[in-house]
Amino acid sequence: MSFNPHMQTKKSTTDPEVETRDKEQITLHGEIYSKLIDIMELDDVEGLQKLWNDPENQIKLNKAKFEEDQKSLLHLAVEYQSMECCELILQQDQFAVNACSSNGTTAFELAVARAEPDLELIQLMLDRGCDPTAIFQLAMHDLHVYQLIHCHLLNKAKSKRYDRFTLIDDIALGLEKFKVPMKNYTSTTGIWSKFSPFIYINRTMAGAEVSDTVQMNDSPREPCECSDGCGNDCSCVRRGNITYSTPGLIHVPPSDLEFPVLFQCSSECRCTNCGNQWASSGSEYPVGVYFVSESMGFDLRSMCTIPEGAFVGVYAGRVQDVKTTCEDSDDDYIFEIPCSVDEKHQLFINSKQFGNYTRFINHSCNPNLEVIEIKQENYVNFSNLGIFARTEIQEGRQLALDYGDEFWKNKKKSLNCRCKFENCKYANNMQTAE
């Protein structure tokens, strides 16, 4: 006959012997819990070991659950930041690191979510087999924790065996809608030593140092209430000078349009089935990073046909002010946000240390991509930089932007363009230096 917990509960109310035994077990659990709290508060690993080894407990602590949300022993240790106790628990129970409470929260999530996370504890849990994939992006609230998890996932991915041409199957580490492989079809070896390390993020982030620089409009934007996917009749779209040719594809702006701007629907909008949320929705068109040569380094290529006017990605990085930008000797990864503000409030996006796949886009004097300012929320001097296809791009083609005259002017003493376009503007850039 199968076990029925309801039958046992009913019997316990009528059988004094069983009822007494159940009460004794509840009391025993309470005594253990009280002892555990004292142990965790003191990080008393010896006390925990004694409690663990005491046969009179009649309970295996590694299978115990505490409080209404059914926390494991490791959950308690993390809550009290008992480092040595955590280490002992992970030694005793190899599965404890990924155990969930009744609401699905792991002890690792508790460790990451703390106002002041213990990096040593987080590293210990990663070393003992914790799988941080599900909460990777949630850890971005603390860059130290995020970097720790990023390095762990990257090293794990790099250690896997792939085909002879693949260095890593997803440099985005699961943060995009598609995998972003990194490949090498050349005979060059030791590619990782030629790779500029960075932390992968899938959105632009602003540090505390620019909080005083970001300006907001005095008058709030009127939210839209579209029900048709937010096309050209959307009040948000009409604020800009970019329109849609079909849902999901924009009209490529003419080359003489100096400041192309697309207004994205904001968090205040009450639209349904919105198709005007580029910076937050992400691209649908897979791309890959390829090693080209010793002199050229890496480039970004399409892994499918990308239609004209399609969104390829947002230029992700850290937002920085003029002072920080002027102090940075390497401007290869810096984009100026094209807002009409005074120099004091000018902001830039730098993808050197934090960025996404768009940081691998090279220059061409015959570009197939276009940068378009994406206005969001109610900021005056901050926008996302959206990258769109200027023309239809076939699978396997290099993706390229025109970096602009200002970039090449700053490179007059160090760099010539190598795009090989017949009408290349900067092939003799160094020779034209004044």
Protein backbone atom coordinates (compact mmCIF):
# COMPACT_ATOMS: atom_id res chain seq x y z
CA MET A 1 0.00 0.00 0.00
CA SER A 2 1.37 3.45 -0.90
CA PHE A 3 2.23 5.97 1.80
CA ASN A 4 -0.50 8.56 2.41
CA PRO A 5 0.56 11.52 4.56
CA HIS A 6 -3.05 12.51 5.15
CA MET A 7 -3.82 9.12 6.70
CA GLN A 8 -0.84 9.49 9.05
CA THR A 9 -1.95 12.97 10.10
CA LYS A 10 -5.42 11.70 10.88
CA LYS A 11 -4.03 8.81 12.97
CA SER A 12 -1.75 11.10 14.96
CA THR A 13 -4.73 13.00 16.31
CA THR A 14 -6.25 9.85 17.79
CA ASP A 15 -3.20 7.85 18.85
CA PRO A 16 -1.61 9.44 21.98
CA GLU A 17 1.67 7.54 21.47
CA VAL A 18 2.12 8.73 17.89
CA GLU A 19 1.03 12.26 18.81
CA THR A 20 3.64 12.40 21.61
CA ARG A 21 6.37 11.13 19.27
CA ASP A 22 5.49 13.76 16.61
CA LYS A 23 5.63 16.54 19.21
CA GLU A 24 9.02 15.31 20.42
CA GLN A 25 10.34 15.43 16.84
CA ILE A 26 9.06 18.97 16.38
CA THR A 27 10.74 20.01 19.63
CA LEU A 28 13.95 18.27 18.56
CA HIS A 29 13.90 20.13 15.27
CA GLY A 30 13.42 23.35 17.17
CA GLU A 31 16.42 22.63 19.41
CA ILE A 32 18.60 21.90 16.38
CA TYR A 33 17.45 25.07 14.68
CA SER A 34 18.23 27.15 17.77
CA LYS A 35 21.70 25.59 18.01
CA LEU A 36 22.30 26.20 14.31
CA ILE A 37 21.47 29.89 14.59
CA ASP A 38 23.98 30.26 17.43
CA ILE A 39 26.57 28.36 15.38
CA MET A 40 25.98 30.46 12.24
CA GLU A 41 26.14 33.76 14.12
CA LEU A 42 29.57 32.78 15.49
CA ASP A 43 30.66 30.94 12.32
CA ASP A 44 31.44 28.08 14.71
CA VAL A 45 32.51 25.35 12.31
CA GLU A 46 33.61 23.04 15.13
CA GLY A 47 30.16 23.34 16.73
CA LEU A 48 28.54 22.51 13.40
CA GLN A 49 30.78 19.48 12.96
CA LYS A 50 29.85 18.20 16.45
CA LEU A 51 26.17 18.73 15.75
CA TRP A 52 26.52 16.96 12.44
CA ASN A 53 28.27 13.94 13.97
CA ASP A 54 25.88 13.53 16.92
CA PRO A 55 23.82 10.35 16.24
CA GLU A 56 21.19 11.38 18.78
CA ASN A 57 20.01 14.15 16.45
CA GLN A 58 18.23 11.49 14.40
CA ILE A 59 18.44 13.80 11.42
CA LYS A 60 20.81 14.32 8.54
CA LEU A 61 21.40 18.02 8.46
CA ASN A 62 22.26 18.02 4.77
CA LYS A 63 18.66 16.97 4.04
CA ALA A 64 17.01 19.18 6.64
CA LYS A 65 14.68 22.03 5.74
CA PHE A 66 14.08 25.03 7.98
CA GLU A 67 11.42 27.71 8.33
CA GLU A 68 8.29 28.10 6.21
CA ASP A 69 10.19 28.57 2.94
CA GLN A 70 12.09 25.29 3.41
CA LYS A 71 15.62 26.66 3.44
CA SER A 72 18.51 24.24 3.39
CA LEU A 73 21.38 24.32 5.85
CA LEU A 74 23.47 26.15 3.25
CA HIS A 75 20.78 28.84 2.95
CA LEU A 76 21.12 29.52 6.69
CA ALA A 77 24.91 29.65 6.51
CA VAL A 78 24.76 32.13 3.61
CA GLU A 79 22.23 34.34 5.40
CA TYR A 80 24.62 34.65 8.34
CA GLN A 81 27.66 34.83 6.01
CA SER A 82 29.26 31.94 7.90
CA MET A 83 32.16 31.29 5.56
CA GLU A 84 33.70 28.31 7.35
CA CYS A 85 30.32 26.71 7.94
CA CYS A 86 29.51 27.08 4.23
CA GLU A 87 32.77 25.35 3.37
CA LEU A 88 32.01 22.45 5.72
CA ILE A 89 28.47 22.05 4.35
CA LEU A 90 29.76 21.95 0.78
CA GLN A 91 32.33 19.35 1.77
CA GLN A 92 29.66 17.17 3.37
CA ASP A 93 27.07 17.52 0.63
CA GLN A 94 28.13 18.07 -2.98
CA PHE A 95 24.52 18.77 -4.06
CA ALA A 96 23.85 21.46 -1.46
CA VAL A 97 25.24 24.25 -3.65
CA ASN A 98 22.30 24.10 -6.09
CA ALA A 99 19.55 23.18 -3.59
CA CYS A 100 16.45 25.40 -3.72
CA SER A 101 14.08 26.66 -1.06
CA SER A 102 10.33 26.24 -1.57
CA ASN A 103 10.19 29.47 -3.61
CA GLY A 104 12.96 28.25 -5.96
CA THR A 105 15.75 30.40 -4.52
CA THR A 106 19.22 28.89 -4.27
CA ALA A 107 21.72 29.76 -1.55
CA PHE A 108 23.91 31.27 -4.29
CA GLU A 109 21.13 33.69 -5.22
CA LEU A 110 20.96 34.79 -1.58
CA ALA A 111 24.72 35.36 -1.56
CA VAL A 112 24.59 37.44 -4.75
CA ALA A 113 21.54 39.48 -3.72
CA ARG A 114 23.04 40.78 -0.46
CA ALA A 115 23.55 44.54 -0.21
CA GLU A 116 27.26 43.88 0.36
CA PRO A 117 28.03 40.48 -1.21
CA ASP A 118 30.90 38.42 0.19
CA LEU A 119 33.11 37.84 -2.87
CA GLU A 120 35.12 35.13 -1.12
CA LEU A 121 31.93 33.21 -0.33
CA ILE A 122 30.66 33.59 -3.89
CA GLN A 123 33.97 32.35 -5.28
CA LEU A 124 33.84 29.35 -2.92
CA MET A 125 30.37 28.42 -4.16
CA LEU A 126 31.47 28.77 -7.79
CA ASP A 127 34.49 26.57 -7.12
CA ARG A 128 32.23 23.92 -5.57
CA GLY A 129 30.07 23.55 -8.66
CA CYS A 130 27.43 26.25 -8.38
CA ASP A 131 25.66 26.96 -11.69
CA PRO A 132 25.28 30.76 -11.91
CA THR A 133 23.86 30.84 -15.45
CA ALA A 134 20.26 31.55 -14.46
CA ILE A 135 21.09 34.62 -12.37
CA PHE A 136 24.09 35.91 -14.36
CA GLN A 137 22.37 39.07 -15.58
CA LEU A 138 20.73 39.71 -12.20
CA ALA A 139 24.21 40.04 -10.71
CA MET A 140 24.86 43.21 -12.72
CA HIS A 141 23.74 45.32 -9.73
CA ASP A 142 27.22 44.71 -8.31
CA LEU A 143 30.01 44.86 -10.90
CA HIS A 144 32.50 43.02 -8.68
CA VAL A 145 30.13 40.06 -8.38
CA TYR A 146 29.23 40.25 -12.08
CA GLN A 147 32.90 40.19 -13.10
CA LEU A 148 33.54 37.22 -10.82
CA ILE A 149 30.71 35.22 -12.37
CA HIS A 150 31.65 36.35 -15.90
CA CYS A 151 35.25 35.17 -15.51
CA HIS A 152 34.03 31.85 -14.09
CA LEU A 153 31.64 31.23 -17.00
CA LEU A 154 34.17 32.38 -19.61
CA ASN A 155 36.94 30.12 -18.29
CA LYS A 156 34.50 27.22 -18.16
CA ALA A 157 33.44 27.85 -21.76
CA LYS A 158 37.05 28.21 -22.94
CA SER A 159 37.96 24.87 -21.38
CA LYS A 160 35.41 22.97 -23.49
CA ARG A 161 36.38 21.16 -26.66
CA TYR A 162 34.90 22.52 -29.90
CA ASP A 163 35.58 21.92 -33.57
CA ARG A 164 39.01 22.96 -34.87
CA PHE A 165 37.80 26.41 -35.99
CA THR A 166 35.80 27.40 -32.88
CA LEU A 167 37.54 29.09 -29.94
CA ILE A 168 34.34 29.43 -27.91
CA ASP A 169 30.74 28.69 -28.87
CA ASP A 170 29.19 31.75 -27.21
CA ILE A 171 31.22 34.75 -26.14
CA ALA A 172 27.93 36.34 -24.98
CA LEU A 173 27.60 33.57 -22.34
CA GLY A 174 23.87 33.24 -22.89
CA LEU A 175 23.02 36.94 -22.62
CA GLU A 176 21.77 37.29 -26.21
CA LYS A 177 18.89 35.64 -28.08
CA PHE A 178 21.49 33.71 -30.08
CA LYS A 179 24.95 32.31 -29.49
CA VAL A 180 27.86 34.52 -30.58
CA PRO A 181 30.68 32.13 -31.53
CA MET A 182 34.30 33.14 -31.79
CA LYS A 183 36.10 31.46 -34.70
CA ASN A 184 39.52 31.29 -36.34
CA TYR A 185 39.89 30.00 -39.89
CA THR A 186 43.51 31.17 -40.22
CA SER A 187 46.69 29.24 -39.44
CA THR A 188 47.53 31.64 -36.61
CA THR A 189 47.77 30.06 -33.16
CA GLY A 190 47.61 31.50 -29.63
CA ILE A 191 44.56 33.61 -30.50
CA TRP A 192 43.55 34.26 -26.88
CA SER A 193 46.84 36.08 -26.30
CA LYS A 194 45.83 38.53 -29.05
CA PHE A 195 42.38 39.03 -27.58
CA SER A 196 41.61 42.21 -25.61
CA PRO A 197 39.80 40.94 -22.47
CA PHE A 198 36.44 42.53 -21.64
CA ILE A 199 33.35 41.82 -19.57
CA TYR A 200 30.30 40.97 -21.68
CA ILE A 201 27.15 43.03 -21.05
CA ASN A 202 24.05 43.22 -23.24
CA ARG A 203 23.00 46.75 -22.41
CA THR A 204 24.56 50.15 -21.77
CA MET A 205 25.20 50.92 -18.13
CA ALA A 206 25.98 54.15 -16.35
CA GLY A 207 28.22 54.33 -13.32
CA ALA A 208 27.71 56.52 -10.26
CA GLU A 209 30.35 58.93 -11.61
CA VAL A 210 27.95 60.22 -14.31
CA SER A 211 24.80 60.41 -12.16
CA ASP A 212 25.22 64.16 -11.73
CA THR A 213 25.82 64.64 -15.46
CA VAL A 214 22.70 62.90 -16.79
CA GLN A 215 19.93 65.44 -17.42
CA MET A 216 16.19 64.87 -17.54
CA ASN A 217 13.58 66.86 -19.46
CA ASP A 218 11.44 69.12 -17.29
CA SER A 219 8.27 68.14 -19.13
CA PRO A 220 7.56 64.40 -19.26
CA ARG A 221 6.88 62.61 -22.55
CA GLU A 222 3.29 61.80 -23.35
CA PRO A 223 3.04 57.98 -23.29
CA CYS A 224 1.52 56.24 -26.29
CA GLU A 225 -1.42 53.82 -26.11
CA CYS A 226 -0.98 51.99 -29.42
CA SER A 227 -2.55 48.61 -30.03
CA ASP A 228 -1.09 47.98 -33.49
CA GLY A 229 2.57 47.33 -32.63
CA CYS A 230 3.67 51.00 -32.63
CA GLY A 231 4.24 51.80 -36.29
CA ASN A 232 4.63 55.15 -38.02
CA ASP A 233 1.40 56.48 -36.49
CA CYS A 234 2.77 55.99 -32.94
CA SER A 235 3.23 59.29 -31.11
CA CYS A 236 6.66 58.11 -29.91
CA VAL A 237 7.88 57.25 -33.43
CA ARG A 238 6.61 60.60 -34.76
CA ARG A 239 8.89 62.45 -32.34
CA GLY A 240 11.93 61.28 -34.30
CA ASN A 241 12.98 61.44 -37.96
CA ILE A 242 13.20 57.67 -38.56
CA THR A 243 10.19 55.73 -39.79
CA TYR A 244 9.40 52.08 -40.50
CA SER A 245 9.21 50.49 -43.94
CA THR A 246 7.54 47.38 -42.49
CA PRO A 247 7.19 46.17 -38.88
CA GLY A 248 10.69 45.49 -37.57
CA LEU A 249 12.52 47.28 -40.41
CA ILE A 250 13.30 50.99 -40.62
CA HIS A 251 13.70 53.26 -43.62
CA VAL A 252 17.45 53.75 -43.91
CA PRO A 253 18.08 57.49 -43.49
CA PRO A 254 19.70 59.43 -46.35
CA SER A 255 23.43 60.12 -45.99
CA ASP A 256 22.82 63.87 -45.67
CA LEU A 257 20.65 63.45 -42.55
CA GLU A 258 23.09 64.64 -39.91
CA PHE A 259 21.37 63.36 -36.74
CA PRO A 260 19.06 60.38 -37.38
CA VAL A 261 16.94 59.80 -34.25
CA LEU A 262 14.48 57.04 -33.40
CA PHE A 263 12.26 57.58 -30.35
CA GLN A 264 11.71 54.31 -28.51
CA CYS A 265 8.57 53.73 -26.46
CA SER A 266 9.22 54.32 -22.78
CA SER A 267 8.34 52.37 -19.64
CA GLU A 268 5.42 54.78 -19.16
CA CYS A 269 3.79 53.82 -22.48
CA ARG A 270 0.63 51.74 -22.37
CA CYS A 271 1.02 50.17 -25.81
CA THR A 272 0.46 46.48 -26.55
CA ASN A 273 2.56 44.23 -28.81
CA CYS A 274 5.11 47.05 -29.02
CA GLY A 275 7.56 46.83 -31.92
CA ASN A 276 9.42 49.98 -30.93
CA GLN A 277 11.62 48.71 -28.09
CA TRP A 278 14.95 48.12 -29.85
CA ALA A 279 17.47 48.79 -27.09
CA SER A 280 15.80 46.44 -24.63
CA SER A 281 14.47 43.72 -26.96
CA GLY A 282 17.77 42.79 -28.64
CA SER A 283 18.54 41.70 -32.19
CA GLU A 284 17.07 38.64 -33.91
CA TYR A 285 19.93 38.21 -36.40
CA PRO A 286 22.86 35.97 -35.32
CA VAL A 287 26.42 37.23 -35.69
CA GLY A 288 29.86 35.79 -34.98
CA VAL A 289 33.31 37.08 -34.04
CA TYR A 290 36.14 36.03 -36.37
CA PHE A 291 39.90 36.35 -36.13
CA VAL A 292 41.13 37.93 -39.38
CA SER A 293 44.90 38.39 -39.13
CA GLU A 294 47.70 39.60 -36.88
CA SER A 295 47.36 43.15 -38.24
CA MET A 296 43.56 43.34 -38.45
CA GLY A 297 42.68 41.40 -35.30
CA PHE A 298 38.99 40.44 -35.08
CA ASP A 299 35.86 41.39 -36.98
CA LEU A 300 32.12 40.77 -36.75
CA ARG A 301 30.24 38.85 -39.45
CA SER A 302 26.64 37.99 -40.19
CA MET A 303 25.61 34.36 -39.68
CA CYS A 304 22.40 34.76 -41.67
CA THR A 305 21.01 37.15 -44.27
CA ILE A 306 20.20 40.47 -42.59
CA PRO A 307 17.53 42.53 -44.39
CA GLU A 308 17.92 46.23 -45.11
CA GLY A 309 16.75 48.33 -42.17
CA ALA A 310 17.08 45.51 -39.62
CA PHE A 311 18.30 46.12 -36.09
CA VAL A 312 21.73 44.51 -35.66
CA GLY A 313 22.43 45.50 -32.06
CA VAL A 314 22.93 48.23 -29.51
CA TYR A 315 26.41 49.61 -28.89
CA ALA A 316 26.77 48.47 -25.27
CA GLY A 317 29.35 49.82 -22.85
CA ARG A 318 29.87 52.06 -19.84
CA VAL A 319 28.66 55.64 -20.01
CA GLN A 320 31.38 58.14 -19.11
CA ASP A 321 31.75 61.91 -19.00
CA VAL A 322 34.10 64.26 -20.84
CA LYS A 323 36.74 64.26 -18.10
CA THR A 324 37.05 60.46 -18.07
CA THR A 325 37.06 60.32 -21.86
CA CYS A 326 39.86 62.88 -22.17
CA GLU A 327 41.95 60.90 -19.68
CA ASP A 328 41.55 57.70 -21.70
CA SER A 329 44.49 57.21 -24.06
CA ASP A 330 42.72 54.47 -26.04
CA ASP A 331 39.74 55.88 -27.94
CA ASP A 332 39.21 52.88 -30.25
CA TYR A 333 36.10 51.78 -28.34
CA ILE A 334 34.56 55.18 -27.55
CA PHE A 335 31.39 56.53 -29.17
CA GLU A 336 30.11 60.04 -28.51
CA ILE A 337 26.40 60.17 -27.74
CA PRO A 338 25.09 62.67 -30.33
CA CYS A 339 22.97 64.89 -28.09
CA SER A 340 22.73 68.66 -28.48
CA VAL A 341 24.15 69.70 -25.10
CA ASP A 342 27.06 71.77 -23.85
CA GLU A 343 30.46 70.07 -23.48
CA LYS A 344 30.11 69.84 -19.70
CA HIS A 345 27.13 67.51 -20.06
CA GLN A 346 28.38 65.53 -23.08
CA LEU A 347 28.42 61.77 -22.51
CA PHE A 348 30.24 58.90 -24.21
CA ILE A 349 29.92 55.10 -24.39
CA ASN A 350 33.13 53.12 -23.89
CA SER A 351 33.11 49.38 -24.69
CA LYS A 352 36.77 48.65 -23.98
CA GLN A 353 36.24 47.01 -20.58
CA PHE A 354 32.48 46.32 -20.75
CA GLY A 355 30.73 45.68 -24.03
CA ASN A 356 28.94 43.31 -26.37
CA TYR A 357 29.56 41.89 -29.85
CA THR A 358 29.25 45.32 -31.49
CA ARG A 359 32.69 46.28 -30.13
CA PHE A 360 34.15 44.03 -32.85
CA ILE A 361 32.63 46.03 -35.72
CA ASN A 362 35.42 47.42 -37.91
CA HIS A 363 35.55 50.51 -40.11
CA SER A 364 34.84 50.60 -43.83
CA CYS A 365 34.62 53.50 -46.24
CA ASN A 366 31.78 51.52 -47.83
CA PRO A 367 29.84 50.57 -44.67
CA ASN A 368 26.85 48.24 -44.55
CA LEU A 369 25.76 49.46 -41.09
CA GLU A 370 24.36 52.73 -39.79
CA VAL A 371 24.40 54.17 -36.26
CA ILE A 372 21.11 55.72 -35.20
CA GLU A 373 20.45 57.49 -31.92
CA ILE A 374 17.69 55.76 -29.95
CA LYS A 375 16.00 58.11 -27.53
CA GLN A 376 14.52 56.44 -24.48
CA GLU A 377 12.63 57.57 -21.40
CA ASN A 378 13.01 61.30 -20.76
CA TYR A 379 16.75 61.92 -20.86
CA VAL A 380 18.22 65.05 -22.44
CA ASN A 381 21.83 63.95 -22.91
CA PHE A 382 21.67 60.16 -22.83
CA SER A 383 20.60 57.87 -25.67
CA ASN A 384 21.33 54.35 -26.79
CA LEU A 385 23.23 53.91 -30.04
CA GLY A 386 21.36 51.49 -32.27
CA ILE A 387 23.15 49.82 -35.18
CA PHE A 388 21.01 49.02 -38.25
CA ALA A 389 21.67 47.42 -41.64
CA ARG A 390 22.08 50.03 -44.42
CA THR A 391 21.48 47.40 -47.08
CA GLU A 392 20.75 43.70 -47.25
CA ILE A 393 23.75 41.82 -45.85
CA GLN A 394 24.45 38.28 -47.00
CA GLU A 395 25.49 35.52 -44.61
CA GLY A 396 29.21 35.51 -43.87
CA ARG A 397 29.81 39.15 -44.78
CA GLN A 398 31.86 41.44 -42.55
CA LEU A 399 29.78 44.02 -40.69
CA ALA A 400 31.26 47.52 -40.88
CA LEU A 401 30.62 51.14 -39.91
CA ASP A 402 32.10 54.40 -41.09
CA TYR A 403 33.96 55.62 -38.00
CA GLY A 404 33.88 59.19 -39.30
CA ASP A 405 36.34 62.01 -40.02
CA GLU A 406 36.97 62.84 -36.35
CA PHE A 407 38.23 59.31 -35.61
CA TRP A 408 40.64 59.33 -38.54
CA LYS A 409 41.83 62.82 -37.73
CA ASN A 410 42.93 61.51 -34.31
CA LYS A 411 44.73 58.61 -36.01
CA LYS A 412 46.78 60.66 -38.49
CA LYS A 413 50.05 59.72 -36.79
CA SER A 414 49.33 56.05 -36.28
CA LEU A 415 46.87 54.42 -38.67
CA ASN A 416 45.87 54.06 -42.32
CA CYS A 417 42.56 52.58 -43.38
CA ARG A 418 42.72 49.01 -44.73
CA CYS A 419 39.13 48.57 -45.89
CA LYS A 420 40.30 48.10 -49.55
CA PHE A 421 37.29 49.95 -50.92
CA GLU A 422 38.12 51.44 -54.32
CA ASN A 423 37.16 54.92 -53.11
CA CYS A 424 38.76 54.57 -49.67
CA LYS A 425 39.02 57.98 -47.98
CA TYR A 426 41.72 57.16 -45.45
CA ALA A 427 44.13 54.74 -47.17
CA ASN A 428 46.86 57.40 -46.94
CA ASN A 429 45.71 58.86 -43.64
CA MET A 430 49.20 59.11 -42.09
CA GLN A 431 50.65 60.80 -45.18
CA THR A 432 48.07 63.58 -44.99
CA ALA A 433 49.06 64.46 -41.42
CA GLU A 434 49.80 68.13 -41.02
